[in-house]
PDB file of N, CA and C in Angstrom:
ATOM      1  N   MET A   1       0.835  -1.183   0.000  1.00  0.00           N
ATOM      2  CA  MET A   1       0.000   0.000   0.000  1.00  0.00           C
ATOM      3  C   MET A   1       0.875   1.238   0.000  1.00  0.00           C
ATOM      4  N   SER A   2       0.566   2.149  -0.859  1.00  0.00           N
ATOM      5  CA  SER A   2       1.308   3.398  -0.958  1.00  0.00           C
ATOM      6  C   SER A   2       0.572   4.475  -0.166  1.00  0.00           C
ATOM      7  N   ILE A   3       1.343   5.260   0.584  1.00  0.00           N
ATOM      8  CA  ILE A   3       0.742   6.378   1.306  1.00  0.00           C
ATOM      9  C   ILE A   3       1.296   7.664   0.721  1.00  0.00           C
ATOM     10  N   GLY A   4       0.644   8.753   0.989  1.00  0.00           N
ATOM     11  CA  GLY A   4       1.054  10.026   0.420  1.00  0.00           C
ATOM     12  C   GLY A   4       2.198  10.682   1.170  1.00  0.00           C
ATOM     13  N   ALA A   5       2.710  11.751   0.576  1.00  0.00           N
ATOM     14  CA  ALA A   5       3.828  12.497   1.154  1.00  0.00           C
ATOM     15  C   ALA A   5       3.468  13.056   2.528  1.00  0.00           C
ATOM     16  N   SER A   6       2.247  13.521   2.689  1.00  0.00           N
ATOM     17  CA  SER A   6       1.821  14.090   3.967  1.00  0.00           C
ATOM     18  C   SER A   6       1.877  13.039   5.071  1.00  0.00           C
ATOM     19  N   ALA A   7       1.356  11.850   4.792  1.00  0.00           N
ATOM     20  CA  ALA A   7       1.398  10.765   5.779  1.00  0.00           C
ATOM     21  C   ALA A   7       2.837  10.395   6.102  1.00  0.00           C
ATOM     22  N   GLU A   8       3.691  10.355   5.075  1.00  0.00           N
ATOM     23  CA  GLU A   8       5.113  10.057   5.309  1.00  0.00           C
ATOM     24  C   GLU A   8       5.752  11.112   6.198  1.00  0.00           C
ATOM     25  N   ASP A   9       5.398  12.381   5.983  1.00  0.00           N
ATOM     26  CA  ASP A   9       5.949  13.452   6.828  1.00  0.00           C
ATOM     27  C   ASP A   9       5.504  13.297   8.279  1.00  0.00           C
ATOM     28  N   TYR A  10       4.240  12.951   8.493  1.00  0.00           N
ATOM     29  CA  TYR A  10       3.756  12.721   9.857  1.00  0.00           C
ATOM     30  C   TYR A  10       4.507  11.562  10.505  1.00  0.00           C
ATOM     31  N   LEU A  11       4.664  10.468   9.791  1.00  0.00           N
ATOM     32  CA  LEU A  11       5.361   9.308  10.350  1.00  0.00           C
ATOM     33  C   LEU A  11       6.810   9.656  10.686  1.00  0.00           C
ATOM     34  N   GLU A  12       7.460  10.377   9.801  1.00  0.00           N
ATOM     35  CA  GLU A  12       8.846  10.787  10.044  1.00  0.00           C
ATOM     36  C   GLU A  12       8.926  11.679  11.291  1.00  0.00           C
ATOM     37  N   THR A  13       7.977  12.586  11.431  1.00  0.00           N
ATOM     38  CA  THR A  13       7.943  13.468  12.599  1.00  0.00           C
ATOM     39  C   THR A  13       7.726  12.671  13.877  1.00  0.00           C
ATOM     40  N   ILE A  14       6.818  11.724  13.854  1.00  0.00           N
ATOM     41  CA  ILE A  14       6.574  10.878  15.031  1.00  0.00           C
ATOM     42  C   ILE A  14       7.838  10.111  15.390  1.00  0.00           C
ATOM     43  N   LEU A  15       8.512   9.545  14.385  1.00  0.00           N
ATOM     44  CA  LEU A  15       9.759   8.811  14.623  1.00  0.00           C
ATOM     45  C   LEU A  15      10.790   9.708  15.296  1.00  0.00           C
ATOM     46  N   LEU A  16      11.021  10.894  14.748  1.00  0.00           N
ATOM     47  CA  LEU A  16      12.045  11.790  15.290  1.00  0.00           C
ATOM     48  C   LEU A  16      11.679  12.302  16.670  1.00  0.00           C
ATOM     49  N   LEU A  17      10.405  12.634  16.891  1.00  0.00           N
ATOM     50  CA  LEU A  17       9.979  13.071  18.226  1.00  0.00           C
ATOM     51  C   LEU A  17      10.130  11.952  19.251  1.00  0.00           C
ATOM     52  N   SER A  18       9.790  10.734  18.852  1.00  0.00           N
ATOM     53  CA  SER A  18       9.906   9.618  19.803  1.00  0.00           C
ATOM     54  C   SER A  18      11.370   9.352  20.152  1.00  0.00           C
ATOM     55  N   ARG A  19      12.263   9.542  19.196  1.00  0.00           N
ATOM     56  CA  ARG A  19      13.697   9.384  19.476  1.00  0.00           C
ATOM     57  C   ARG A  19      14.201  10.488  20.393  1.00  0.00           C
ATOM     58  N   LYS A  20      13.626  11.685  20.237  1.00  0.00           N
ATOM     59  CA  LYS A  20      14.085  12.839  21.006  1.00  0.00           C
ATOM     60  C   LYS A  20      13.491  12.865  22.412  1.00  0.00           C
ATOM     61  N   THR A  21      12.205  12.585  22.520  1.00  0.00           N
ATOM     62  CA  THR A  21      11.528  12.749  23.808  1.00  0.00           C
ATOM     63  C   THR A  21      11.047  11.435  24.424  1.00  0.00           C
ATOM     64  N   GLY A  22      10.960  10.391  23.621  1.00  0.00           N
ATOM     65  CA  GLY A  22      10.513   9.102  24.132  1.00  0.00           C
ATOM     66  C   GLY A  22       9.014   8.901  24.080  1.00  0.00           C
ATOM     67  N   ALA A  23       8.247   9.992  24.117  1.00  0.00           N
ATOM     68  CA  ALA A  23       6.794   9.886  24.100  1.00  0.00           C
ATOM     69  C   ALA A  23       6.237  10.980  23.209  1.00  0.00           C
ATOM     70  N   VAL A  24       5.235  10.634  22.420  1.00  0.00           N
ATOM     71  CA  VAL A  24       4.688  11.584  21.450  1.00  0.00           C
ATOM     72  C   VAL A  24       3.176  11.676  21.619  1.00  0.00           C
ATOM     73  N   ARG A  25       2.693  12.911  21.658  1.00  0.00           N
ATOM     74  CA  ARG A  25       1.258  13.172  21.668  1.00  0.00           C
ATOM     75  C   ARG A  25       0.936  14.065  20.469  1.00  0.00           C
ATOM     76  N   SER A  26      -0.324  14.161  20.131  1.00  0.00           N
ATOM     77  CA  SER A  26      -0.737  14.993  18.996  1.00  0.00           C
ATOM     78  C   SER A  26      -0.260  16.430  19.157  1.00  0.00           C
ATOM     79  N   ILE A  27      -0.317  16.970  20.368  1.00  0.00           N
ATOM     80  CA  ILE A  27       0.097  18.352  20.600  1.00  0.00           C
ATOM     81  C   ILE A  27       1.585  18.544  20.291  1.00  0.00           C
ATOM     82  N   ASP A  28       2.381  17.501  20.486  1.00  0.00           N
ATOM     83  CA  ASP A  28       3.808  17.574  20.140  1.00  0.00           C
ATOM     84  C   ASP A  28       3.982  17.695  18.631  1.00  0.00           C
ATOM     85  N   ILE A  29       3.153  16.976  17.897  1.00  0.00           N
ATOM     86  CA  ILE A  29       3.203  17.020  16.434  1.00  0.00           C
ATOM     87  C   ILE A  29       2.753  18.394  15.945  1.00  0.00           C
ATOM     88  N   VAL A  30       1.718  18.947  16.570  1.00  0.00           N
ATOM     89  CA  VAL A  30       1.254  20.300  16.252  1.00  0.00           C
ATOM     90  C   VAL A  30       2.416  21.279  16.399  1.00  0.00           C
ATOM     91  N   GLY A  31       3.121  21.199  17.517  1.00  0.00           N
ATOM     92  CA  GLY A  31       4.241  22.099  17.778  1.00  0.00           C
ATOM     93  C   GLY A  31       5.390  21.918  16.808  1.00  0.00           C
ATOM     94  N   GLU A  32       5.664  20.693  16.459  1.00  0.00           N
ATOM     95  CA  GLU A  32       6.799  20.394  15.574  1.00  0.00           C
ATOM     96  C   GLU A  32       6.511  20.767  14.130  1.00  0.00           C
ATOM     97  N   MET A  33       5.320  20.474  13.670  1.00  0.00           N
ATOM     98  CA  MET A  33       5.003  20.672  12.254  1.00  0.00           C
ATOM     99  C   MET A  33       4.307  22.002  11.969  1.00  0.00           C
ATOM    100  N   GLY A  34       3.767  22.622  13.022  1.00  0.00           N
ATOM    101  CA  GLY A  34       3.100  23.904  12.839  1.00  0.00           C
ATOM    102  C   GLY A  34       1.721  23.814  12.216  1.00  0.00           C
ATOM    103  N   PHE A  35       1.109  22.644  12.281  1.00  0.00           N
ATOM    104  CA  PHE A  35      -0.241  22.462  11.753  1.00  0.00           C
ATOM    105  C   PHE A  35      -1.252  22.684  12.869  1.00  0.00           C
ATOM    106  N   SER A  36      -2.509  22.867  12.507  1.00  0.00           N
ATOM    107  CA  SER A  36      -3.554  23.057  13.507  1.00  0.00           C
ATOM    108  C   SER A  36      -3.874  21.729  14.206  1.00  0.00           C
ATOM    109  N   LYS A  37      -4.431  21.848  15.401  1.00  0.00           N
ATOM    110  CA  LYS A  37      -4.841  20.648  16.141  1.00  0.00           C
ATOM    111  C   LYS A  37      -5.842  19.805  15.348  1.00  0.00           C
ATOM    112  N   PRO A  38      -6.863  20.426  14.734  1.00  0.00           N
ATOM    113  CA  PRO A  38      -7.810  19.617  13.952  1.00  0.00           C
ATOM    114  C   PRO A  38      -7.145  18.894  12.778  1.00  0.00           C
ATOM    115  N   SER A  39      -6.198  19.544  12.101  1.00  0.00           N
ATOM    116  CA  SER A  39      -5.507  18.897  10.977  1.00  0.00           C
ATOM    117  C   SER A  39      -4.718  17.686  11.447  1.00  0.00           C
ATOM    118  N   VAL A  40      -4.024  17.835  12.562  1.00  0.00           N
ATOM    119  CA  VAL A  40      -3.238  16.726  13.107  1.00  0.00           C
ATOM    120  C   VAL A  40      -4.164  15.613  13.568  1.00  0.00           C
ATOM    121  N   SER A  41      -5.286  15.970  14.169  1.00  0.00           N
ATOM    122  CA  SER A  41      -6.252  14.965  14.626  1.00  0.00           C
ATOM    123  C   SER A  41      -6.776  14.126  13.467  1.00  0.00           C
ATOM    124  N   VAL A  42      -7.112  14.775  12.361  1.00  0.00           N
ATOM    125  CA  VAL A  42      -7.588  14.065  11.175  1.00  0.00           C
ATOM    126  C   VAL A  42      -6.493  13.144  10.635  1.00  0.00           C
ATOM    127  N   ALA A  43      -5.268  13.644  10.588  1.00  0.00           N
ATOM    128  CA  ALA A  43      -4.146  12.843  10.081  1.00  0.00           C
ATOM    129  C   ALA A  43      -3.893  11.636  10.984  1.00  0.00           C
ATOM    130  N   MET A  44      -3.981  11.818  12.306  1.00  0.00           N
ATOM    131  CA  MET A  44      -3.744  10.705  13.225  1.00  0.00           C
ATOM    132  C   MET A  44      -4.822   9.642  13.065  1.00  0.00           C
ATOM    133  N   LYS A  45      -6.055  10.068  12.839  1.00  0.00           N
ATOM    134  CA  LYS A  45      -7.127   9.091  12.612  1.00  0.00           C
ATOM    135  C   LYS A  45      -6.841   8.272  11.361  1.00  0.00           C
ATOM    136  N   LYS A  46      -6.404   8.943  10.300  1.00  0.00           N
ATOM    137  CA  LYS A  46      -6.090   8.246   9.045  1.00  0.00           C
ATOM    138  C   LYS A  46      -4.928   7.270   9.248  1.00  0.00           C
ATOM    139  N   LEU A  47      -3.889   7.713   9.933  1.00  0.00           N
ATOM    140  CA  LEU A  47      -2.738   6.830  10.191  1.00  0.00           C
ATOM    141  C   LEU A  47      -3.146   5.642  11.067  1.00  0.00           C
ATOM    142  N   ARG A  48      -4.050   5.886  12.015  1.00  0.00           N
ATOM    143  CA  ARG A  48      -4.556   4.801  12.857  1.00  0.00           C
ATOM    144  C   ARG A  48      -5.367   3.821  12.016  1.00  0.00           C
ATOM    145  N   ASP A  49      -6.248   4.345  11.168  1.00  0.00           N
ATOM    146  CA  ASP A  49      -7.066   3.500  10.300  1.00  0.00           C
ATOM    147  C   ASP A  49      -6.195   2.672   9.349  1.00  0.00           C
ATOM    148  N   ASP A  50      -5.084   3.248   8.918  1.00  0.00           N
ATOM    149  CA  ASP A  50      -4.149   2.547   8.024  1.00  0.00           C
ATOM    150  C   ASP A  50      -3.179   1.641   8.778  1.00  0.00           C
ATOM    151  N   LYS A  51      -3.366   1.570  10.105  1.00  0.00           N
ATOM    152  CA  LYS A  51      -2.553   0.707  10.975  1.00  0.00           C
ATOM    153  C   LYS A  51      -1.060   1.049  10.915  1.00  0.00           C
ATOM    154  N   LEU A  52      -0.788   2.356  10.846  1.00  0.00           N
ATOM    155  CA  LEU A  52       0.594   2.840  10.855  1.00  0.00           C
ATOM    156  C   LEU A  52       0.992   3.377  12.221  1.00  0.00           C
ATOM    157  N   ILE A  53      -0.014   3.740  13.030  1.00  0.00           N
ATOM    158  CA  ILE A  53       0.225   4.169  14.406  1.00  0.00           C
ATOM    159  C   ILE A  53      -0.801   3.524  15.319  1.00  0.00           C
ATOM    160  N   GLU A  54      -0.482   3.545  16.598  1.00  0.00           N
ATOM    161  CA  GLU A  54      -1.449   3.165  17.634  1.00  0.00           C
ATOM    162  C   GLU A  54      -1.519   4.333  18.598  1.00  0.00           C
ATOM    163  N   MET A  55      -2.703   4.572  19.132  1.00  0.00           N
ATOM    164  CA  MET A  55      -2.869   5.649  20.081  1.00  0.00           C
ATOM    165  C   MET A  55      -3.418   5.069  21.378  1.00  0.00           C
ATOM    166  N   ALA A  56      -2.691   5.285  22.455  1.00  0.00           N
ATOM    167  CA  ALA A  56      -3.101   4.793  23.765  1.00  0.00           C
ATOM    168  C   ALA A  56      -4.246   5.652  24.302  1.00  0.00           C
ATOM    169  N   PRO A  57      -5.011   5.122  25.249  1.00  0.00           N
ATOM    170  CA  PRO A  57      -6.109   5.904  25.826  1.00  0.00           C
ATOM    171  C   PRO A  57      -5.654   7.243  26.421  1.00  0.00           C
ATOM    172  N   ASP A  58      -4.401   7.302  26.875  1.00  0.00           N
ATOM    173  CA  ASP A  58      -3.889   8.548  27.452  1.00  0.00           C
ATOM    174  C   ASP A  58      -3.362   9.516  26.385  1.00  0.00           C
ATOM    175  N   GLY A  59      -3.519   9.146  25.103  1.00  0.00           N
ATOM    176  CA  GLY A  59      -3.161  10.048  24.020  1.00  0.00           C
ATOM    177  C   GLY A  59      -1.767   9.880  23.438  1.00  0.00           C
ATOM    178  N   TYR A  60      -0.999   8.969  23.995  1.00  0.00           N
ATOM    179  CA  TYR A  60       0.355   8.776  23.475  1.00  0.00           C
ATOM    180  C   TYR A  60       0.331   7.942  22.200  1.00  0.00           C
ATOM    181  N   ILE A  61       1.162   8.364  21.253  1.00  0.00           N
ATOM    182  CA  ILE A  61       1.181   7.776  19.916  1.00  0.00           C
ATOM    183  C   ILE A  61       2.445   6.945  19.741  1.00  0.00           C
ATOM    184  N   THR A  62       2.283   5.740  19.216  1.00  0.00           N
ATOM    185  CA  THR A  62       3.440   4.912  18.869  1.00  0.00           C
ATOM    186  C   THR A  62       3.266   4.419  17.439  1.00  0.00           C
ATOM    187  N   LEU A  63       4.387   4.205  16.798  1.00  0.00           N
ATOM    188  CA  LEU A  63       4.377   3.663  15.445  1.00  0.00           C
ATOM    189  C   LEU A  63       4.191   2.156  15.512  1.00  0.00           C
ATOM    190  N   THR A  64       3.396   1.613  14.617  1.00  0.00           N
ATOM    191  CA  THR A  64       3.323   0.167  14.480  1.00  0.00           C
ATOM    192  C   THR A  64       4.606  -0.293  13.777  1.00  0.00           C
ATOM    193  N   GLU A  65       4.781  -1.563  13.643  1.00  0.00           N
ATOM    194  CA  GLU A  65       5.967  -2.065  12.941  1.00  0.00           C
ATOM    195  C   GLU A  65       6.016  -1.513  11.518  1.00  0.00           C
ATOM    196  N   ARG A  66       4.882  -1.547  10.836  1.00  0.00           N
ATOM    197  CA  ARG A  66       4.823  -1.017   9.471  1.00  0.00           C
ATOM    198  C   ARG A  66       5.044   0.488   9.439  1.00  0.00           C
ATOM    199  N   GLY A  67       4.502   1.189  10.419  1.00  0.00           N
ATOM    200  CA  GLY A  67       4.706   2.627  10.517  1.00  0.00           C
ATOM    201  C   GLY A  67       6.157   2.974  10.774  1.00  0.00           C
ATOM    202  N   GLU A  68       6.800   2.208  11.631  1.00  0.00           N
ATOM    203  CA  GLU A  68       8.222   2.416  11.937  1.00  0.00           C
ATOM    204  C   GLU A  68       9.078   2.163  10.695  1.00  0.00           C
ATOM    205  N   GLU A  69       8.780   1.105   9.964  1.00  0.00           N
ATOM    206  CA  GLU A  69       9.542   0.807   8.737  1.00  0.00           C
ATOM    207  C   GLU A  69       9.390   1.931   7.718  1.00  0.00           C
ATOM    208  N   THR A  70       8.183   2.418   7.555  1.00  0.00           N
ATOM    209  CA  THR A  70       7.938   3.508   6.607  1.00  0.00           C
ATOM    210  C   THR A  70       8.653   4.773   7.049  1.00  0.00           C
ATOM    211  N   ALA A  71       8.534   5.119   8.313  1.00  0.00           N
ATOM    212  CA  ALA A  71       9.177   6.327   8.838  1.00  0.00           C
ATOM    213  C   ALA A  71      10.699   6.243   8.708  1.00  0.00           C
ATOM    214  N   ALA A  72      11.255   5.085   9.016  1.00  0.00           N
ATOM    215  CA  ALA A  72      12.717   4.911   8.921  1.00  0.00           C
ATOM    216  C   ALA A  72      13.179   5.035   7.468  1.00  0.00           C
ATOM    217  N   ARG A  73      12.409   4.507   6.539  1.00  0.00           N
ATOM    218  CA  ARG A  73      12.751   4.606   5.113  1.00  0.00           C
ATOM    219  C   ARG A  73      12.725   6.059   4.661  1.00  0.00           C
ATOM    220  N   VAL A  74      11.697   6.791   5.049  1.00  0.00           N
ATOM    221  CA  VAL A  74      11.581   8.197   4.667  1.00  0.00           C
ATOM    222  C   VAL A  74      12.713   9.009   5.291  1.00  0.00           C
ATOM    223  N   TYR A  75      12.997   8.758   6.561  1.00  0.00           N
ATOM    224  CA  TYR A  75      14.068   9.499   7.236  1.00  0.00           C
ATOM    225  C   TYR A  75      15.425   9.188   6.609  1.00  0.00           C
ATOM    226  N   ASP A  76      15.656   7.942   6.217  1.00  0.00           N
ATOM    227  CA  ASP A  76      16.907   7.585   5.553  1.00  0.00           C
ATOM    228  C   ASP A  76      17.040   8.350   4.247  1.00  0.00           C
ATOM    229  N   ARG A  77      15.973   8.403   3.489  1.00  0.00           N
ATOM    230  CA  ARG A  77      15.991   9.161   2.232  1.00  0.00           C
ATOM    231  C   ARG A  77      16.286  10.633   2.516  1.00  0.00           C
ATOM    232  N   HIS A  78      15.570  11.196   3.479  1.00  0.00           N
ATOM    233  CA  HIS A  78      15.735  12.612   3.797  1.00  0.00           C
ATOM    234  C   HIS A  78      17.171  12.919   4.220  1.00  0.00           C
ATOM    235  N   SER A  79      17.670  12.178   5.175  1.00  0.00           N
ATOM    236  CA  SER A  79      19.008  12.479   5.704  1.00  0.00           C
ATOM    237  C   SER A  79      20.098  12.229   4.657  1.00  0.00           C
ATOM    238  N   THR A  80      19.944  11.187   3.851  1.00  0.00           N
ATOM    239  CA  THR A  80      20.927  10.904   2.798  1.00  0.00           C
ATOM    240  C   THR A  80      20.940  12.023   1.759  1.00  0.00           C
ATOM    241  N   ILE A  81      19.757  12.424   1.303  1.00  0.00           N
ATOM    242  CA  ILE A  81      19.672  13.485   0.298  1.00  0.00           C
ATOM    243  C   ILE A  81      20.192  14.802   0.869  1.00  0.00           C
ATOM    244  N   TYR A  82      19.808  15.107   2.109  1.00  0.00           N
ATOM    245  CA  TYR A  82      20.273  16.334   2.754  1.00  0.00           C
ATOM    246  C   TYR A  82      21.809  16.346   2.843  1.00  0.00           C
ATOM    247  N   ASP A  83      22.382  15.257   3.327  1.00  0.00           N
ATOM    248  CA  ASP A  83      23.843  15.173   3.454  1.00  0.00           C
ATOM    249  C   ASP A  83      24.533  15.321   2.109  1.00  0.00           C
ATOM    250  N   TRP A  84      23.990  14.680   1.088  1.00  0.00           N
ATOM    251  CA  TRP A  84      24.577  14.750  -0.251  1.00  0.00           C
ATOM    252  C   TRP A  84      24.504  16.168  -0.804  1.00  0.00           C
ATOM    253  N   LEU A  85      23.365  16.815  -0.624  1.00  0.00           N
ATOM    254  CA  LEU A  85      23.223  18.184  -1.117  1.00  0.00           C
ATOM    255  C   LEU A  85      24.181  19.143  -0.407  1.00  0.00           C
ATOM    256  N   THR A  86      24.252  19.057   0.918  1.00  0.00           N
ATOM    257  CA  THR A  86      25.141  19.974   1.642  1.00  0.00           C
ATOM    258  C   THR A  86      26.602  19.691   1.333  1.00  0.00           C
ATOM    259  N   ALA A  87      26.951  18.437   1.129  1.00  0.00           N
ATOM    260  CA  ALA A  87      28.338  18.092   0.782  1.00  0.00           C
ATOM    261  C   ALA A  87      28.719  18.649  -0.585  1.00  0.00           C
ATOM    262  N   ASN A  88      27.716  18.941  -1.401  1.00  0.00           N
ATOM    263  CA  ASN A  88      27.961  19.473  -2.738  1.00  0.00           C
ATOM    264  C   ASN A  88      27.689  20.973  -2.836  1.00  0.00           C
ATOM    265  N   GLY A  89      27.640  21.632  -1.692  1.00  0.00           N
ATOM    266  CA  GLY A  89      27.589  23.083  -1.682  1.00  0.00           C
ATOM    267  C   GLY A  89      26.240  23.735  -1.533  1.00  0.00           C
ATOM    268  N   VAL A  90      25.182  22.959  -1.393  1.00  0.00           N
ATOM    269  CA  VAL A  90      23.854  23.544  -1.190  1.00  0.00           C
ATOM    270  C   VAL A  90      23.767  23.995   0.276  1.00  0.00           C
ATOM    271  N   SER A  91      23.205  25.182   0.498  1.00  0.00           N
ATOM    272  CA  SER A  91      23.081  25.697   1.868  1.00  0.00           C
ATOM    273  C   SER A  91      22.228  24.751   2.716  1.00  0.00           C
ATOM    274  N   ASP A  92      22.462  24.783   4.025  1.00  0.00           N
ATOM    275  CA  ASP A  92      21.708  23.918   4.938  1.00  0.00           C
ATOM    276  C   ASP A  92      20.202  24.116   4.799  1.00  0.00           C
ATOM    277  N   SER A  93      19.770  25.376   4.768  1.00  0.00           N
ATOM    278  CA  SER A  93      18.330  25.638   4.720  1.00  0.00           C
ATOM    279  C   SER A  93      17.711  25.167   3.405  1.00  0.00           C
ATOM    280  N   GLN A  94      18.410  25.412   2.293  1.00  0.00           N
ATOM    281  CA  GLN A  94      17.887  24.970   0.998  1.00  0.00           C
ATOM    282  C   GLN A  94      17.916  23.446   0.891  1.00  0.00           C
ATOM    283  N   ALA A  95      18.981  22.840   1.397  1.00  0.00           N
ATOM    284  CA  ALA A  95      19.084  21.378   1.360  1.00  0.00           C
ATOM    285  C   ALA A  95      17.960  20.740   2.173  1.00  0.00           C
ATOM    286  N   ALA A  96      17.611  21.339   3.303  1.00  0.00           N
ATOM    287  CA  ALA A  96      16.522  20.799   4.128  1.00  0.00           C
ATOM    288  C   ALA A  96      15.198  20.859   3.372  1.00  0.00           C
ATOM    289  N   LEU A  97      14.937  21.989   2.719  1.00  0.00           N
ATOM    290  CA  LEU A  97      13.701  22.124   1.936  1.00  0.00           C
ATOM    291  C   LEU A  97      13.667  21.141   0.769  1.00  0.00           C
ATOM    292  N   ASP A  98      14.766  21.078   0.028  1.00  0.00           N
ATOM    293  CA  ASP A  98      14.802  20.202  -1.143  1.00  0.00           C
ATOM    294  C   ASP A  98      14.742  18.724  -0.753  1.00  0.00           C
ATOM    295  N   ALA A  99      15.445  18.353   0.299  1.00  0.00           N
ATOM    296  CA  ALA A  99      15.435  16.954   0.737  1.00  0.00           C
ATOM    297  C   ALA A  99      14.023  16.535   1.138  1.00  0.00           C
ATOM    298  N   CYS A 100      13.292  17.437   1.783  1.00  0.00           N
ATOM    299  CA  CYS A 100      11.926  17.128   2.206  1.00  0.00           C
ATOM    300  C   CYS A 100      11.023  16.876   1.002  1.00  0.00           C
ATOM    301  N   ARG A 101      11.251  17.608  -0.070  1.00  0.00           N
ATOM    302  CA  ARG A 101      10.456  17.398  -1.283  1.00  0.00           C
ATOM    303  C   ARG A 101      10.904  16.143  -2.024  1.00  0.00           C
ATOM    304  N   MET A 102      12.215  16.020  -2.189  1.00  0.00           N
ATOM    305  CA  MET A 102      12.772  14.939  -3.006  1.00  0.00           C
ATOM    306  C   MET A 102      12.540  13.556  -2.404  1.00  0.00           C
ATOM    307  N   GLU A 103      12.534  13.463  -1.078  1.00  0.00           N
ATOM    308  CA  GLU A 103      12.404  12.158  -0.420  1.00  0.00           C
ATOM    309  C   GLU A 103      11.139  11.430  -0.839  1.00  0.00           C
ATOM    310  N   HIS A 104      10.138  12.172  -1.258  1.00  0.00           N
ATOM    311  CA  HIS A 104       8.847  11.578  -1.601  1.00  0.00           C
ATOM    312  C   HIS A 104       8.705  11.207  -3.074  1.00  0.00           C
ATOM    313  N   ILE A 105       9.495  11.818  -3.935  1.00  0.00           N
ATOM    314  CA  ILE A 105       9.206  11.684  -5.362  1.00  0.00           C
ATOM    315  C   ILE A 105      10.249  10.915  -6.160  1.00  0.00           C
ATOM    316  N   ILE A 106      11.467  10.772  -5.627  1.00  0.00           N
ATOM    317  CA  ILE A 106      12.474  10.089  -6.441  1.00  0.00           C
ATOM    318  C   ILE A 106      12.252   8.583  -6.416  1.00  0.00           C
ATOM    319  N   SER A 107      12.680   7.950  -7.473  1.00  0.00           N
ATOM    320  CA  SER A 107      12.549   6.495  -7.570  1.00  0.00           C
ATOM    321  C   SER A 107      13.568   5.820  -6.662  1.00  0.00           C
ATOM    322  N   GLU A 108      13.336   4.562  -6.403  1.00  0.00           N
ATOM    323  CA  GLU A 108      14.283   3.784  -5.602  1.00  0.00           C
ATOM    324  C   GLU A 108      15.629   3.718  -6.317  1.00  0.00           C
ATOM    325  N   GLU A 109      15.606   3.572  -7.638  1.00  0.00           N
ATOM    326  CA  GLU A 109      16.841   3.510  -8.421  1.00  0.00           C
ATOM    327  C   GLU A 109      17.673   4.788  -8.244  1.00  0.00           C
ATOM    328  N   THR A 110      17.019   5.938  -8.365  1.00  0.00           N
ATOM    329  CA  THR A 110      17.722   7.208  -8.206  1.00  0.00           C
ATOM    330  C   THR A 110      18.240   7.366  -6.783  1.00  0.00           C
ATOM    331  N   PHE A 111      17.430   6.983  -5.792  1.00  0.00           N
ATOM    332  CA  PHE A 111      17.871   7.095  -4.403  1.00  0.00           C
ATOM    333  C   PHE A 111      19.117   6.253  -4.159  1.00  0.00           C
ATOM    334  N   ILE A 112      19.145   5.043  -4.683  1.00  0.00           N
ATOM    335  CA  ILE A 112      20.314   4.175  -4.497  1.00  0.00           C
ATOM    336  C   ILE A 112      21.564   4.823  -5.083  1.00  0.00           C
ATOM    337  N   VAL A 113      21.436   5.449  -6.248  1.00  0.00           N
ATOM    338  CA  VAL A 113      22.575   6.127  -6.859  1.00  0.00           C
ATOM    339  C   VAL A 113      23.047   7.291  -5.986  1.00  0.00           C
ATOM    340  N   ILE A 114      22.105   8.098  -5.495  1.00  0.00           N
ATOM    341  CA  ILE A 114      22.459   9.218  -4.628  1.00  0.00           C
ATOM    342  C   ILE A 114      23.117   8.716  -3.346  1.00  0.00           C
ATOM    343  N   LYS A 115      22.600   7.634  -2.810  1.00  0.00           N
ATOM    344  CA  LYS A 115      23.167   7.084  -1.576  1.00  0.00           C
ATOM    345  C   LYS A 115      24.621   6.619  -1.819  1.00  0.00           C
ATOM    346  N   LYS A 116      24.857   5.972  -2.934  1.00  0.00           N
ATOM    347  CA  LYS A 116      26.220   5.534  -3.258  1.00  0.00           C
ATOM    348  C   LYS A 116      27.138   6.733  -3.434  1.00  0.00           C
ATOM    349  N   LEU A 117      26.672   7.778  -4.111  1.00  0.00           N
ATOM    350  CA  LEU A 117      27.460   8.989  -4.280  1.00  0.00           C
ATOM    351  C   LEU A 117      27.754   9.647  -2.929  1.00  0.00           C
ATOM    352  N   ALA A 118      26.765   9.691  -2.074  1.00  0.00           N
ATOM    353  CA  ALA A 118      26.932  10.310  -0.753  1.00  0.00           C
ATOM    354  C   ALA A 118      27.944   9.538   0.088  1.00  0.00           C
ATOM    355  N   GLU A 119      27.942   8.226  -0.024  1.00  0.00           N
ATOM    356  CA  GLU A 119      28.863   7.396   0.753  1.00  0.00           C
ATOM    357  C   GLU A 119      30.307   7.565   0.290  1.00  0.00           C
ATOM    358  N   LYS A 120      30.509   7.956  -0.970  1.00  0.00           N
ATOM    359  CA  LYS A 120      31.850   8.146  -1.501  1.00  0.00           C
ATOM    360  C   LYS A 120      32.475   9.464  -1.053  1.00  0.00           C
ATOM    361  N   GLN A 121      31.638  10.386  -0.583  1.00  0.00           N
ATOM    362  CA  GLN A 121      32.147  11.716  -0.209  1.00  0.00           C
ATOM    363  C   GLN A 121      32.688  11.742   1.183  1.00  0.00           C
TER     364      GLN A 121
END
């Protein structure tokens, strides 16, 4: 099943917040992503329905195994592309913006090539 870029961004954010703080709630995602509470609530329901996250009765959010795999894949793409761009002279801020866009649209073949190039630097 393919999910959209927005869902991938939410999963990546949940992964990074959980690594940073250990526990993630919707309000943490609101603060991190700058979206409204209702928008995040709708997204969390969709991710729950797609079995990518679980939400405890106390509001804490965890990634399912499939959600964790998806988030880790997206984060790997993002960090690899970001590192490659900055190593080639792109400013940090521009590389962050471009990596966020590119992580969702490039093919697996292209990503593998970029990853190999990044590892050589």
